[in-house]
Amino acid sequence: MKFWKLLSFILIATICLFFLCRKSNSEHISEIVTIDTANCWTGAGPYQIPTDSSGNIIRYGYLLISNTAQYLGPKGSISHSTNGMNCQNCHLDAGTKPWGNNYGAVASQYPKIRARSGKLESIEMRVNDCLQRSLNGLTLDCNSKEMRSIVAYIKWLGKEVPRGEKPKGAGIQDLPFLSRAADPFKGQQYYTINCAKCHGIKGDGMPALNGIGFTYPPLWGRNSYNDGAGIYRLSRFAGFIKNNMPNPVNYHHPAISNEVAWDIAAFVNSQPRPHKDQSMDWPDINKKTIDCPMGPYADSLSEKQHKFGPFIGSSNNIKK
């Protein structure tokens, strides 16, 4: 009799423990979901573009951003004016992904004066700047159907962001500076492990099956972004890598540390790529960002330190 009482007690205790654990796990899952719904700006997807005539120009802008090579690349149907990369290679998910160099704050902040040009820039000027630098290509006529469509799409994405505001998750996250210089040698090892399977051991990317553009873009070489691109600055590239790579990583579940992101950025941006004349950039040298990799500078730090750091102690900003 005592044996059966003991067995009954163990059975009841086990059942109670099971339900307690289940409740605890449910609370933990709920907590994770709460974290995953953090209020970062996320752009609307293509299926939310209006289906009436007003959406036609927006939809064409989306297509130009998501598949630029088809229209403007070396085999483009409109022109042969860019390197074969797509805008969304740097502005992920057609400029909608949180911390994916998205367009969340473009419509709300432009036109604005940019320190790099020293001019009041419109959205059209900003788009053309990217075409010349990140796509190593030629500018679009600001009155062309293509430019009007790209601008319409960007404005549509940011239509609910109040003027002058930058929502959380817009652009690229600023990572803390390292206390040391970013290390290209370490970065090469991390690149081989984390990046080469998509971008190639030689950084030449993975060509698309249709022969137009790339499934995964080249990170250096003649078909990649030039040395005037914003992503050529380590702070920009490290922040981009941290929250987005290896694809499809996002900022909730990063796969690499801040330190590794800085080192990979240092390795990739040490590799050969097209050059852009930047003699007209930063007319006020005192406003030049600390991680601008090319001189002249207003301080006495070397070009190498401006490229790789350490940047600790600098009062200079790292904004784009």
C-alpha atoms as a PDB file:
ATOM      1  CA  MET A   1       0.000   0.000   0.000  1.00  0.00           C
ATOM      2  CA  LYS A   2       2.800   2.419   0.892  1.00  0.00           C
ATOM      3  CA  PHE A   3       4.395   1.688  -2.484  1.00  0.00           C
ATOM      4  CA  TRP A   4       1.268   2.698  -4.396  1.00  0.00           C
ATOM      5  CA  LYS A   5       0.864   5.863  -2.322  1.00  0.00           C
ATOM      6  CA  LEU A   6       4.465   6.800  -3.061  1.00  0.00           C
ATOM      7  CA  LEU A   7       3.993   6.089  -6.774  1.00  0.00           C
ATOM      8  CA  SER A   8       0.820   8.208  -6.832  1.00  0.00           C
ATOM      9  CA  PHE A   9       2.648  11.086  -5.127  1.00  0.00           C
ATOM     10  CA  ILE A  10       5.497  10.938  -7.661  1.00  0.00           C
ATOM     11  CA  LEU A  11       3.011  10.889 -10.570  1.00  0.00           C
ATOM     12  CA  ILE A  12       1.071  13.915  -9.258  1.00  0.00           C
ATOM     13  CA  ALA A  13       4.282  15.828  -8.563  1.00  0.00           C
ATOM     14  CA  THR A  14       5.543  15.106 -12.069  1.00  0.00           C
ATOM     15  CA  ILE A  15       2.306  16.370 -13.646  1.00  0.00           C
ATOM     16  CA  CYS A  16       2.422  19.573 -11.572  1.00  0.00           C
ATOM     17  CA  LEU A  17       6.053  20.155 -12.485  1.00  0.00           C
ATOM     18  CA  PHE A  18       5.246  19.667 -16.175  1.00  0.00           C
ATOM     19  CA  PHE A  19       2.546  22.360 -16.126  1.00  0.00           C
ATOM     20  CA  LEU A  20       4.713  24.742 -14.108  1.00  0.00           C
ATOM     21  CA  CYS A  21       7.546  24.380 -16.621  1.00  0.00           C
ATOM     22  CA  ARG A  22       5.109  24.824 -19.473  1.00  0.00           C
ATOM     23  CA  LYS A  23       3.840  28.048 -17.944  1.00  0.00           C
ATOM     24  CA  SER A  24       7.367  29.286 -17.396  1.00  0.00           C
ATOM     25  CA  ASN A  25       8.280  28.513 -21.000  1.00  0.00           C
ATOM     26  CA  SER A  26       5.160  30.286 -22.245  1.00  0.00           C
ATOM     27  CA  GLU A  27       6.123  33.390 -20.290  1.00  0.00           C
ATOM     28  CA  HIS A  28       9.630  33.199 -21.773  1.00  0.00           C
ATOM     29  CA  ILE A  29       8.260  32.875 -25.307  1.00  0.00           C
ATOM     30  CA  SER A  30       5.978  35.836 -24.724  1.00  0.00           C
ATOM     31  CA  GLU A  31       8.961  37.859 -23.531  1.00  0.00           C
ATOM     32  CA  ILE A  32      10.919  37.021 -26.687  1.00  0.00           C
ATOM     33  CA  VAL A  33       7.993  38.014 -28.907  1.00  0.00           C
ATOM     34  CA  THR A  34       7.813  41.349 -27.105  1.00  0.00           C
ATOM     35  CA  ILE A  35      11.486  41.958 -27.886  1.00  0.00           C
ATOM     36  CA  ASP A  36      10.986  40.931 -31.514  1.00  0.00           C
ATOM     37  CA  THR A  37       8.241  43.502 -32.012  1.00  0.00           C
ATOM     38  CA  ALA A  38      10.439  46.429 -30.974  1.00  0.00           C
ATOM     39  CA  ASN A  39       9.313  49.674 -32.560  1.00  0.00           C
ATOM     40  CA  CYS A  40      11.952  49.997 -35.274  1.00  0.00           C
ATOM     41  CA  TRP A  41      10.826  51.567 -38.522  1.00  0.00           C
ATOM     42  CA  THR A  42      10.040  49.006 -41.209  1.00  0.00           C
ATOM     43  CA  GLY A  43       9.065  50.082 -44.686  1.00  0.00           C
ATOM     44  CA  ALA A  44       5.955  48.919 -46.497  1.00  0.00           C
ATOM     45  CA  GLY A  45       6.323  46.019 -48.904  1.00  0.00           C
ATOM     46  CA  PRO A  46       5.570  45.973 -52.631  1.00  0.00           C
ATOM     47  CA  TYR A  47       2.110  44.450 -52.095  1.00  0.00           C
ATOM     48  CA  GLN A  48       1.108  47.584 -50.198  1.00  0.00           C
ATOM     49  CA  ILE A  49       1.816  49.849 -53.158  1.00  0.00           C
ATOM     50  CA  PRO A  50      -1.502  51.321 -54.378  1.00  0.00           C
ATOM     51  CA  THR A  51      -3.068  49.376 -57.232  1.00  0.00           C
ATOM     52  CA  ASP A  52      -4.642  52.413 -58.908  1.00  0.00           C
ATOM     53  CA  SER A  53      -2.875  54.715 -61.381  1.00  0.00           C
ATOM     54  CA  SER A  54      -1.125  56.599 -58.568  1.00  0.00           C
ATOM     55  CA  GLY A  55       0.787  53.442 -57.718  1.00  0.00           C
ATOM     56  CA  ASN A  56       2.288  52.918 -61.161  1.00  0.00           C
ATOM     57  CA  ILE A  57       5.137  55.360 -60.736  1.00  0.00           C
ATOM     58  CA  ILE A  58       5.807  54.108 -57.195  1.00  0.00           C
ATOM     59  CA  ARG A  59       5.888  50.511 -58.400  1.00  0.00           C
ATOM     60  CA  TYR A  60       8.345  51.368 -61.156  1.00  0.00           C
ATOM     61  CA  GLY A  61      10.553  53.063 -58.563  1.00  0.00           C
ATOM     62  CA  TYR A  62      10.446  49.902 -56.457  1.00  0.00           C
ATOM     63  CA  LEU A  63      11.507  47.825 -59.483  1.00  0.00           C
ATOM     64  CA  LEU A  64      14.394  50.188 -60.216  1.00  0.00           C
ATOM     65  CA  ILE A  65      15.621  49.937 -56.630  1.00  0.00           C
ATOM     66  CA  SER A  66      15.218  46.169 -56.300  1.00  0.00           C
ATOM     67  CA  ASN A  67      16.540  45.221 -59.743  1.00  0.00           C
ATOM     68  CA  THR A  68      18.642  48.154 -60.901  1.00  0.00           C
ATOM     69  CA  ALA A  69      20.876  46.004 -63.119  1.00  0.00           C
ATOM     70  CA  GLN A  70      17.941  44.988 -65.298  1.00  0.00           C
ATOM     71  CA  TYR A  71      17.285  48.623 -66.189  1.00  0.00           C
ATOM     72  CA  LEU A  72      20.595  50.493 -65.745  1.00  0.00           C
ATOM     73  CA  GLY A  73      23.296  47.814 -65.552  1.00  0.00           C
ATOM     74  CA  PRO A  74      25.805  46.681 -68.206  1.00  0.00           C
ATOM     75  CA  LYS A  75      22.962  44.839 -69.970  1.00  0.00           C
ATOM     76  CA  GLY A  76      20.229  47.254 -68.892  1.00  0.00           C
ATOM     77  CA  SER A  77      17.065  47.866 -70.891  1.00  0.00           C
ATOM     78  CA  ILE A  78      17.132  51.660 -70.286  1.00  0.00           C
ATOM     79  CA  SER A  79      20.864  52.411 -70.217  1.00  0.00           C
ATOM     80  CA  HIS A  80      24.247  50.796 -69.554  1.00  0.00           C
ATOM     81  CA  SER A  81      25.280  53.242 -66.859  1.00  0.00           C
ATOM     82  CA  THR A  82      25.988  51.271 -63.641  1.00  0.00           C
ATOM     83  CA  ASN A  83      28.208  48.408 -62.467  1.00  0.00           C
ATOM     84  CA  GLY A  84      25.600  45.626 -62.324  1.00  0.00           C
ATOM     85  CA  MET A  85      24.820  45.932 -58.626  1.00  0.00           C
ATOM     86  CA  ASN A  86      21.306  46.746 -57.439  1.00  0.00           C
ATOM     87  CA  CYS A  87      20.394  49.630 -55.141  1.00  0.00           C
ATOM     88  CA  GLN A  88      18.995  47.097 -52.699  1.00  0.00           C
ATOM     89  CA  ASN A  89      22.387  45.420 -52.364  1.00  0.00           C
ATOM     90  CA  CYS A  90      23.160  48.288 -49.979  1.00  0.00           C
ATOM     91  CA  HIS A  91      19.576  49.359 -49.161  1.00  0.00           C
ATOM     92  CA  LEU A  92      18.243  45.967 -48.149  1.00  0.00           C
ATOM     93  CA  ASP A  93      14.751  44.736 -49.014  1.00  0.00           C
ATOM     94  CA  ALA A  94      14.367  47.688 -51.384  1.00  0.00           C
ATOM     95  CA  GLY A  95      15.165  50.130 -48.574  1.00  0.00           C
ATOM     96  CA  THR A  96      12.688  48.789 -46.004  1.00  0.00           C
ATOM     97  CA  LYS A  97      14.724  46.624 -43.575  1.00  0.00           C
ATOM     98  CA  PRO A  98      15.389  48.017 -40.070  1.00  0.00           C
ATOM     99  CA  TRP A  99      19.073  48.979 -39.737  1.00  0.00           C
ATOM    100  CA  GLY A 100      19.519  47.723 -43.314  1.00  0.00           C
ATOM    101  CA  ASN A 101      20.529  51.145 -44.677  1.00  0.00           C
ATOM    102  CA  ASN A 102      16.852  51.789 -45.328  1.00  0.00           C
ATOM    103  CA  TYR A 103      15.074  54.888 -46.598  1.00  0.00           C
ATOM    104  CA  GLY A 104      13.106  55.544 -43.408  1.00  0.00           C
ATOM    105  CA  ALA A 105      14.436  59.056 -42.864  1.00  0.00           C
ATOM    106  CA  VAL A 106      15.091  60.199 -46.420  1.00  0.00           C
ATOM    107  CA  ALA A 107      11.774  61.878 -47.200  1.00  0.00           C
ATOM    108  CA  SER A 108      11.612  63.444 -43.738  1.00  0.00           C
ATOM    109  CA  GLN A 109      15.114  64.962 -43.851  1.00  0.00           C
ATOM    110  CA  TYR A 110      15.694  66.006 -47.456  1.00  0.00           C
ATOM    111  CA  PRO A 111      16.380  68.532 -48.781  1.00  0.00           C
ATOM    112  CA  LYS A 112      19.207  69.134 -46.322  1.00  0.00           C
ATOM    113  CA  ILE A 113      22.753  70.465 -46.256  1.00  0.00           C
ATOM    114  CA  ARG A 114      25.300  67.647 -46.306  1.00  0.00           C
ATOM    115  CA  ALA A 115      28.797  68.232 -45.030  1.00  0.00           C
ATOM    116  CA  ARG A 116      30.338  65.994 -47.683  1.00  0.00           C
ATOM    117  CA  SER A 117      29.177  68.188 -50.555  1.00  0.00           C
ATOM    118  CA  GLY A 118      28.724  71.383 -48.557  1.00  0.00           C
ATOM    119  CA  LYS A 119      25.482  71.945 -50.460  1.00  0.00           C
ATOM    120  CA  LEU A 120      21.758  71.820 -49.939  1.00  0.00           C
ATOM    121  CA  GLU A 121      20.885  68.450 -51.468  1.00  0.00           C
ATOM    122  CA  SER A 122      17.546  67.239 -52.766  1.00  0.00           C
ATOM    123  CA  ILE A 123      16.505  63.589 -52.844  1.00  0.00           C
ATOM    124  CA  GLU A 124      17.379  63.599 -56.545  1.00  0.00           C
ATOM    125  CA  MET A 125      20.929  64.751 -55.786  1.00  0.00           C
ATOM    126  CA  ARG A 126      21.261  62.115 -53.092  1.00  0.00           C
ATOM    127  CA  VAL A 127      20.107  59.360 -55.461  1.00  0.00           C
ATOM    128  CA  ASN A 128      22.578  60.474 -58.133  1.00  0.00           C
ATOM    129  CA  ASP A 129      25.354  60.548 -55.536  1.00  0.00           C
ATOM    130  CA  CYS A 130      24.671  56.870 -54.798  1.00  0.00           C
ATOM    131  CA  LEU A 131      24.576  56.005 -58.493  1.00  0.00           C
ATOM    132  CA  GLN A 132      28.004  57.586 -58.971  1.00  0.00           C
ATOM    133  CA  ARG A 133      29.590  56.071 -55.873  1.00  0.00           C
ATOM    134  CA  SER A 134      27.974  52.825 -54.774  1.00  0.00           C
ATOM    135  CA  LEU A 135      27.029  51.775 -58.315  1.00  0.00           C
ATOM    136  CA  ASN A 136      30.142  53.404 -59.796  1.00  0.00           C
ATOM    137  CA  GLY A 137      27.983  54.773 -62.565  1.00  0.00           C
ATOM    138  CA  LEU A 138      26.445  57.806 -64.222  1.00  0.00           C
ATOM    139  CA  THR A 139      23.733  60.140 -62.990  1.00  0.00           C
ATOM    140  CA  LEU A 140      20.103  60.154 -64.077  1.00  0.00           C
ATOM    141  CA  ASP A 141      18.363  63.197 -65.504  1.00  0.00           C
ATOM    142  CA  CYS A 142      16.371  64.563 -62.582  1.00  0.00           C
ATOM    143  CA  ASN A 143      13.319  64.957 -64.829  1.00  0.00           C
ATOM    144  CA  SER A 144      13.499  61.445 -66.263  1.00  0.00           C
ATOM    145  CA  LYS A 145      10.799  58.894 -65.624  1.00  0.00           C
ATOM    146  CA  GLU A 146      13.322  56.740 -63.784  1.00  0.00           C
ATOM    147  CA  MET A 147      14.377  59.462 -61.327  1.00  0.00           C
ATOM    148  CA  ARG A 148      10.804  60.600 -60.748  1.00  0.00           C
ATOM    149  CA  SER A 149       9.824  56.998 -60.004  1.00  0.00           C
ATOM    150  CA  ILE A 150      12.678  56.377 -57.561  1.00  0.00           C
ATOM    151  CA  VAL A 151      11.868  59.593 -55.697  1.00  0.00           C
ATOM    152  CA  ALA A 152       8.144  58.744 -55.652  1.00  0.00           C
ATOM    153  CA  TYR A 153       8.919  55.342 -54.150  1.00  0.00           C
ATOM    154  CA  ILE A 154      11.206  56.802 -51.462  1.00  0.00           C
ATOM    155  CA  LYS A 155       8.648  59.461 -50.555  1.00  0.00           C
ATOM    156  CA  TRP A 156       5.898  56.848 -50.407  1.00  0.00           C
ATOM    157  CA  LEU A 157       7.939  54.729 -48.006  1.00  0.00           C
ATOM    158  CA  GLY A 158       8.544  57.683 -45.684  1.00  0.00           C
ATOM    159  CA  LYS A 159       5.172  59.378 -45.981  1.00  0.00           C
ATOM    160  CA  GLU A 160       4.233  58.747 -42.332  1.00  0.00           C
ATOM    161  CA  VAL A 161       7.514  59.955 -40.822  1.00  0.00           C
ATOM    162  CA  PRO A 162       7.145  63.556 -39.543  1.00  0.00           C
ATOM    163  CA  ARG A 163       9.338  66.204 -41.155  1.00  0.00           C
ATOM    164  CA  GLY A 164      12.775  66.456 -39.524  1.00  0.00           C
ATOM    165  CA  GLU A 165      12.512  63.157 -37.645  1.00  0.00           C
ATOM    166  CA  LYS A 166      14.668  60.055 -37.950  1.00  0.00           C
ATOM    167  CA  PRO A 167      12.793  56.984 -36.710  1.00  0.00           C
ATOM    168  CA  LYS A 168      14.475  54.257 -34.711  1.00  0.00           C
ATOM    169  CA  GLY A 169      15.980  51.688 -37.063  1.00  0.00           C
ATOM    170  CA  ALA A 170      16.482  54.114 -39.944  1.00  0.00           C
ATOM    171  CA  GLY A 171      19.711  53.939 -41.927  1.00  0.00           C
ATOM    172  CA  ILE A 172      22.630  52.072 -40.343  1.00  0.00           C
ATOM    173  CA  GLN A 173      23.241  51.583 -36.642  1.00  0.00           C
ATOM    174  CA  ASP A 174      26.307  53.309 -35.182  1.00  0.00           C
ATOM    175  CA  LEU A 175      28.449  50.659 -33.481  1.00  0.00           C
ATOM    176  CA  PRO A 176      30.695  51.555 -30.525  1.00  0.00           C
ATOM    177  CA  PHE A 177      34.248  52.332 -31.557  1.00  0.00           C
ATOM    178  CA  LEU A 178      36.875  49.680 -30.908  1.00  0.00           C
ATOM    179  CA  SER A 179      39.664  50.483 -28.452  1.00  0.00           C
ATOM    180  CA  ARG A 180      42.102  49.248 -31.114  1.00  0.00           C
ATOM    181  CA  ALA A 181      42.483  49.578 -34.847  1.00  0.00           C
ATOM    182  CA  ALA A 182      40.258  47.352 -36.976  1.00  0.00           C
ATOM    183  CA  ASP A 183      42.358  44.426 -38.212  1.00  0.00           C
ATOM    184  CA  PRO A 184      42.197  43.412 -41.919  1.00  0.00           C
ATOM    185  CA  PHE A 185      44.175  40.212 -41.223  1.00  0.00           C
ATOM    186  CA  LYS A 186      41.646  38.995 -38.662  1.00  0.00           C
ATOM    187  CA  GLY A 187      38.897  40.242 -40.951  1.00  0.00           C
ATOM    188  CA  GLN A 188      40.122  38.009 -43.766  1.00  0.00           C
ATOM    189  CA  GLN A 189      39.740  34.943 -41.559  1.00  0.00           C
ATOM    190  CA  TYR A 190      36.237  35.991 -40.484  1.00  0.00           C
ATOM    191  CA  TYR A 191      35.333  36.817 -44.089  1.00  0.00           C
ATOM    192  CA  THR A 192      36.348  33.326 -45.236  1.00  0.00           C
ATOM    193  CA  ILE A 193      34.121  31.757 -42.581  1.00  0.00           C
ATOM    194  CA  ASN A 194      31.099  34.052 -42.789  1.00  0.00           C
ATOM    195  CA  CYS A 195      31.027  35.761 -46.188  1.00  0.00           C
ATOM    196  CA  ALA A 196      32.932  33.898 -48.899  1.00  0.00           C
ATOM    197  CA  LYS A 197      30.207  31.322 -49.557  1.00  0.00           C
ATOM    198  CA  CYS A 198      27.998  34.072 -51.023  1.00  0.00           C
ATOM    199  CA  HIS A 199      30.367  36.847 -52.091  1.00  0.00           C
ATOM    200  CA  GLY A 200      33.212  34.591 -53.237  1.00  0.00           C
ATOM    201  CA  ILE A 201      36.659  34.016 -51.825  1.00  0.00           C
ATOM    202  CA  LYS A 202      37.901  36.679 -54.266  1.00  0.00           C
ATOM    203  CA  GLY A 203      35.050  39.044 -53.422  1.00  0.00           C
ATOM    204  CA  ASP A 204      33.675  38.950 -56.955  1.00  0.00           C
ATOM    205  CA  GLY A 205      30.124  38.027 -55.943  1.00  0.00           C
ATOM    206  CA  MET A 206      27.743  35.475 -57.423  1.00  0.00           C
ATOM    207  CA  PRO A 207      26.387  36.339 -60.892  1.00  0.00           C
ATOM    208  CA  ALA A 208      22.636  35.976 -61.408  1.00  0.00           C
ATOM    209  CA  LEU A 209      21.501  32.940 -63.393  1.00  0.00           C
ATOM    210  CA  ASN A 210      19.956  35.150 -66.087  1.00  0.00           C
ATOM    211  CA  GLY A 211      23.318  36.814 -66.702  1.00  0.00           C
ATOM    212  CA  ILE A 212      22.039  40.230 -65.571  1.00  0.00           C
ATOM    213  CA  GLY A 213      23.563  41.537 -62.364  1.00  0.00           C
ATOM    214  CA  PHE A 214      24.359  39.510 -59.271  1.00  0.00           C
ATOM    215  CA  THR A 215      22.538  37.245 -56.857  1.00  0.00           C
ATOM    216  CA  TYR A 216      25.133  38.303 -54.278  1.00  0.00           C
ATOM    217  CA  PRO A 217      27.066  41.486 -55.081  1.00  0.00           C
ATOM    218  CA  PRO A 218      30.837  41.795 -55.528  1.00  0.00           C
ATOM    219  CA  LEU A 219      32.540  43.389 -52.520  1.00  0.00           C
ATOM    220  CA  TRP A 220      35.663  44.495 -54.350  1.00  0.00           C
ATOM    221  CA  GLY A 221      37.057  44.603 -57.864  1.00  0.00           C
ATOM    222  CA  ARG A 222      35.892  46.515 -60.930  1.00  0.00           C
ATOM    223  CA  ASN A 223      32.197  45.612 -60.516  1.00  0.00           C
ATOM    224  CA  SER A 224      31.928  46.769 -56.901  1.00  0.00           C
ATOM    225  CA  TYR A 225      31.361  50.114 -55.179  1.00  0.00           C
ATOM    226  CA  ASN A 226      34.120  52.678 -55.565  1.00  0.00           C
ATOM    227  CA  ASP A 227      36.225  54.317 -52.855  1.00  0.00           C
ATOM    228  CA  GLY A 228      33.889  57.315 -52.690  1.00  0.00           C
ATOM    229  CA  ALA A 229      30.907  55.252 -51.502  1.00  0.00           C
ATOM    230  CA  GLY A 230      29.526  55.770 -48.016  1.00  0.00           C
ATOM    231  CA  ILE A 231      29.967  52.068 -47.300  1.00  0.00           C
ATOM    232  CA  TYR A 232      33.715  52.525 -47.865  1.00  0.00           C
ATOM    233  CA  ARG A 233      33.827  54.190 -44.449  1.00  0.00           C
ATOM    234  CA  LEU A 234      34.389  51.588 -41.759  1.00  0.00           C
ATOM    235  CA  SER A 235      31.748  52.875 -39.331  1.00  0.00           C
ATOM    236  CA  ARG A 236      29.068  52.560 -42.011  1.00  0.00           C
ATOM    237  CA  PHE A 237      30.145  49.168 -43.273  1.00  0.00           C
ATOM    238  CA  ALA A 238      30.681  47.664 -39.804  1.00  0.00           C
ATOM    239  CA  GLY A 239      27.190  48.713 -38.698  1.00  0.00           C
ATOM    240  CA  PHE A 240      25.697  47.301 -41.886  1.00  0.00           C
ATOM    241  CA  ILE A 241      27.506  43.957 -41.467  1.00  0.00           C
ATOM    242  CA  LYS A 242      26.602  43.604 -37.790  1.00  0.00           C
ATOM    243  CA  ASN A 243      22.825  43.721 -38.245  1.00  0.00           C
ATOM    244  CA  ASN A 244      22.465  42.089 -41.656  1.00  0.00           C
ATOM    245  CA  MET A 245      25.184  39.553 -42.368  1.00  0.00           C
ATOM    246  CA  PRO A 246      25.432  36.738 -43.131  1.00  0.00           C
ATOM    247  CA  ASN A 247      22.117  37.098 -44.956  1.00  0.00           C
ATOM    248  CA  PRO A 248      19.315  36.831 -43.745  1.00  0.00           C
ATOM    249  CA  VAL A 249      20.490  37.911 -40.262  1.00  0.00           C
ATOM    250  CA  ASN A 250      18.605  40.785 -38.622  1.00  0.00           C
ATOM    251  CA  TYR A 251      19.247  43.050 -35.654  1.00  0.00           C
ATOM    252  CA  HIS A 252      17.260  40.835 -33.265  1.00  0.00           C
ATOM    253  CA  HIS A 253      19.530  37.850 -33.836  1.00  0.00           C
ATOM    254  CA  PRO A 254      23.003  39.018 -34.954  1.00  0.00           C
ATOM    255  CA  ALA A 255      25.423  36.252 -35.872  1.00  0.00           C
ATOM    256  CA  ILE A 256      28.699  38.080 -35.234  1.00  0.00           C
ATOM    257  CA  SER A 257      30.123  40.442 -32.633  1.00  0.00           C
ATOM    258  CA  ASN A 258      30.789  44.153 -33.078  1.00  0.00           C
ATOM    259  CA  GLU A 259      34.508  43.439 -33.099  1.00  0.00           C
ATOM    260  CA  VAL A 260      34.215  40.875 -35.898  1.00  0.00           C
ATOM    261  CA  ALA A 261      32.059  43.287 -37.925  1.00  0.00           C
ATOM    262  CA  TRP A 262      34.733  45.998 -37.701  1.00  0.00           C
ATOM    263  CA  ASP A 263      37.467  43.552 -38.744  1.00  0.00           C
ATOM    264  CA  ILE A 264      35.517  42.196 -41.729  1.00  0.00           C
ATOM    265  CA  ALA A 265      34.826  45.762 -42.862  1.00  0.00           C
ATOM    266  CA  ALA A 266      38.548  46.526 -42.565  1.00  0.00           C
ATOM    267  CA  PHE A 267      39.472  43.520 -44.705  1.00  0.00           C
ATOM    268  CA  VAL A 268      36.898  44.142 -47.440  1.00  0.00           C
ATOM    269  CA  ASN A 269      37.691  47.842 -47.671  1.00  0.00           C
ATOM    270  CA  SER A 270      41.404  47.043 -47.950  1.00  0.00           C
ATOM    271  CA  GLN A 271      40.823  45.308 -51.266  1.00  0.00           C
ATOM    272  CA  PRO A 272      41.175  46.982 -54.695  1.00  0.00           C
ATOM    273  CA  ARG A 273      38.182  48.766 -56.169  1.00  0.00           C
ATOM    274  CA  PRO A 274      37.390  51.605 -58.578  1.00  0.00           C
ATOM    275  CA  HIS A 275      38.569  55.096 -57.623  1.00  0.00           C
ATOM    276  CA  LYS A 276      36.426  58.219 -57.609  1.00  0.00           C
ATOM    277  CA  ASP A 277      37.760  61.740 -57.670  1.00  0.00           C
ATOM    278  CA  GLN A 278      36.838  63.199 -54.272  1.00  0.00           C
ATOM    279  CA  SER A 279      38.710  66.481 -54.499  1.00  0.00           C
ATOM    280  CA  MET A 280      35.447  68.425 -54.184  1.00  0.00           C
ATOM    281  CA  ASP A 281      34.243  66.504 -51.107  1.00  0.00           C
ATOM    282  CA  TRP A 282      34.238  68.044 -47.622  1.00  0.00           C
ATOM    283  CA  PRO A 283      34.735  71.721 -48.582  1.00  0.00           C
ATOM    284  CA  ASP A 284      34.807  72.470 -44.838  1.00  0.00           C
ATOM    285  CA  ILE A 285      37.566  70.114 -43.746  1.00  0.00           C
ATOM    286  CA  ASN A 286      36.656  70.633 -40.089  1.00  0.00           C
ATOM    287  CA  LYS A 287      33.383  68.773 -40.715  1.00  0.00           C
ATOM    288  CA  LYS A 288      35.072  65.729 -42.240  1.00  0.00           C
ATOM    289  CA  THR A 289      34.126  62.497 -40.486  1.00  0.00           C
ATOM    290  CA  ILE A 290      36.798  60.793 -38.404  1.00  0.00           C
ATOM    291  CA  ASP A 291      36.655  57.588 -40.437  1.00  0.00           C
ATOM    292  CA  CYS A 292      36.926  59.232 -43.855  1.00  0.00           C
ATOM    293  CA  PRO A 293      39.678  57.085 -45.393  1.00  0.00           C
ATOM    294  CA  MET A 294      41.215  59.774 -47.614  1.00  0.00           C
ATOM    295  CA  GLY A 295      42.929  63.043 -46.696  1.00  0.00           C
ATOM    296  CA  PRO A 296      43.460  65.870 -46.297  1.00  0.00           C
ATOM    297  CA  TYR A 297      42.436  66.217 -42.633  1.00  0.00           C
ATOM    298  CA  ALA A 298      42.134  69.002 -40.115  1.00  0.00           C
ATOM    299  CA  ASP A 299      43.965  66.936 -37.470  1.00  0.00           C
ATOM    300  CA  SER A 300      47.387  65.289 -37.306  1.00  0.00           C
ATOM    301  CA  LEU A 301      46.224  61.660 -37.445  1.00  0.00           C
ATOM    302  CA  SER A 302      47.567  59.518 -40.276  1.00  0.00           C
ATOM    303  CA  GLU A 303      45.444  58.383 -43.206  1.00  0.00           C
ATOM    304  CA  LYS A 304      45.827  54.806 -41.929  1.00  0.00           C
ATOM    305  CA  GLN A 305      44.373  55.714 -38.537  1.00  0.00           C
ATOM    306  CA  HIS A 306      41.528  57.603 -40.168  1.00  0.00           C
ATOM    307  CA  LYS A 307      40.738  54.464 -42.154  1.00  0.00           C
ATOM    308  CA  PHE A 308      41.167  51.737 -39.503  1.00  0.00           C
ATOM    309  CA  GLY A 309      41.176  53.552 -36.176  1.00  0.00           C
ATOM    310  CA  PRO A 310      41.400  53.528 -33.271  1.00  0.00           C
ATOM    311  CA  PHE A 311      38.846  56.336 -33.179  1.00  0.00           C
ATOM    312  CA  ILE A 312      38.361  56.389 -29.381  1.00  0.00           C
ATOM    313  CA  GLY A 313      38.614  59.891 -27.975  1.00  0.00           C
ATOM    314  CA  SER A 314      37.671  61.605 -31.209  1.00  0.00           C
ATOM    315  CA  SER A 315      35.143  64.394 -30.964  1.00  0.00           C
ATOM    316  CA  ASN A 316      34.364  64.016 -34.648  1.00  0.00           C
ATOM    317  CA  ASN A 317      31.005  62.637 -35.712  1.00  0.00           C
ATOM    318  CA  ILE A 318      30.439  59.476 -37.734  1.00  0.00           C
ATOM    319  CA  LYS A 319      27.235  60.467 -39.463  1.00  0.00           C
ATOM    320  CA  LYS A 320      26.792  59.986 -43.176  1.00  0.00           C
END
